[in-house]
Amino acid sequence: MLTVDNERGRNGIPKLFDGTGIQLHLTPGPEMETMMRDMGKDRIDPKDTFVEAWKKGCIDKIREL
């Protein structure tokens, strides 16, 4: 399982997989709350921007594995 190495990814996601035997890999990526705050009132969908910002770290980790 790949997840972003931000506060939510480090603190919440591992709890979902405790005891499952699923290996968790954290990848570099942005903090969602910071991105949403920095986008201002005329922001586009923050999820699309988040995924784009996370994509390189995710792809690099997949290649490493």
Protein backbone atom coordinates (compact mmCIF):
# COMPACT_ATOMS: atom_id res chain seq x y z
CA MET A 1 0.00 0.00 0.00
CA LEU A 2 1.33 3.42 -0.96
CA THR A 3 0.31 6.55 0.89
CA VAL A 4 1.65 10.05 1.10
CA ASP A 5 4.19 10.86 3.80
CA ASN A 6 2.32 13.76 5.34
CA GLU A 7 0.74 14.12 8.77
CA ARG A 8 -2.44 12.27 7.82
CA GLY A 9 -0.50 9.51 6.04
CA ARG A 10 1.92 8.97 8.92
CA ASN A 11 -0.62 9.14 11.73
CA GLY A 12 -3.89 7.77 10.36
CA ILE A 13 -3.25 5.36 7.54
CA PRO A 14 -0.96 2.88 9.39
CA LYS A 15 -3.75 2.26 11.92
CA LEU A 16 -6.02 1.05 9.12
CA PHE A 17 -3.55 -1.68 8.19
CA ASP A 18 -2.33 -2.83 11.62
CA GLY A 19 -2.38 -6.61 11.80
CA THR A 20 -3.34 -7.11 8.15
CA GLY A 21 0.08 -8.13 6.86
CA ILE A 22 -0.13 -5.42 4.20
CA GLN A 23 3.17 -3.60 3.76
CA LEU A 24 2.83 0.17 3.92
CA HIS A 25 5.14 2.51 2.00
CA LEU A 26 5.15 6.25 2.64
CA THR A 27 6.08 8.44 -0.31
CA PRO A 28 7.01 12.14 -0.45
CA GLY A 29 4.05 14.40 -0.97
CA PRO A 30 2.23 17.55 0.10
CA GLU A 31 0.12 18.33 3.14
CA MET A 32 -3.50 18.51 1.93
CA GLU A 33 -4.52 21.17 4.47
CA THR A 34 -1.60 23.42 3.45
CA MET A 35 -2.47 23.09 -0.22
CA MET A 36 -6.12 23.94 0.37
CA ARG A 37 -5.21 26.99 2.47
CA ASP A 38 -2.66 28.24 -0.07
CA MET A 39 -5.03 27.92 -3.03
CA GLY A 40 -7.35 30.69 -1.87
CA LYS A 41 -11.01 31.16 -2.68
CA ASP A 42 -10.63 30.71 -6.46
CA ARG A 43 -9.10 27.27 -6.10
CA ILE A 44 -9.65 24.34 -8.40
CA ASP A 45 -10.42 20.90 -7.02
CA PRO A 46 -7.71 20.41 -4.36
CA LYS A 47 -7.75 16.64 -4.84
CA ASP A 48 -6.59 17.00 -8.45
CA THR A 49 -3.80 19.37 -7.39
CA PHE A 50 -2.85 17.07 -4.51
CA VAL A 51 -2.58 14.02 -6.78
CA GLU A 52 -0.44 15.96 -9.26
CA ALA A 53 1.87 17.11 -6.45
CA TRP A 54 2.12 13.55 -5.08
CA LYS A 55 2.56 11.82 -8.44
CA LYS A 56 6.37 12.04 -8.70
CA GLY A 57 6.97 10.62 -5.21
CA CYS A 58 4.48 7.84 -5.89
CA ILE A 59 6.00 6.91 -9.25
CA ASP A 60 9.53 6.98 -7.80
CA LYS A 61 8.47 4.60 -4.98
CA ILE A 62 6.80 2.19 -7.43
CA ARG A 63 9.99 2.08 -9.48
CA GLU A 64 12.04 1.47 -6.32
CA LEU A 65 9.84 -1.46 -5.30
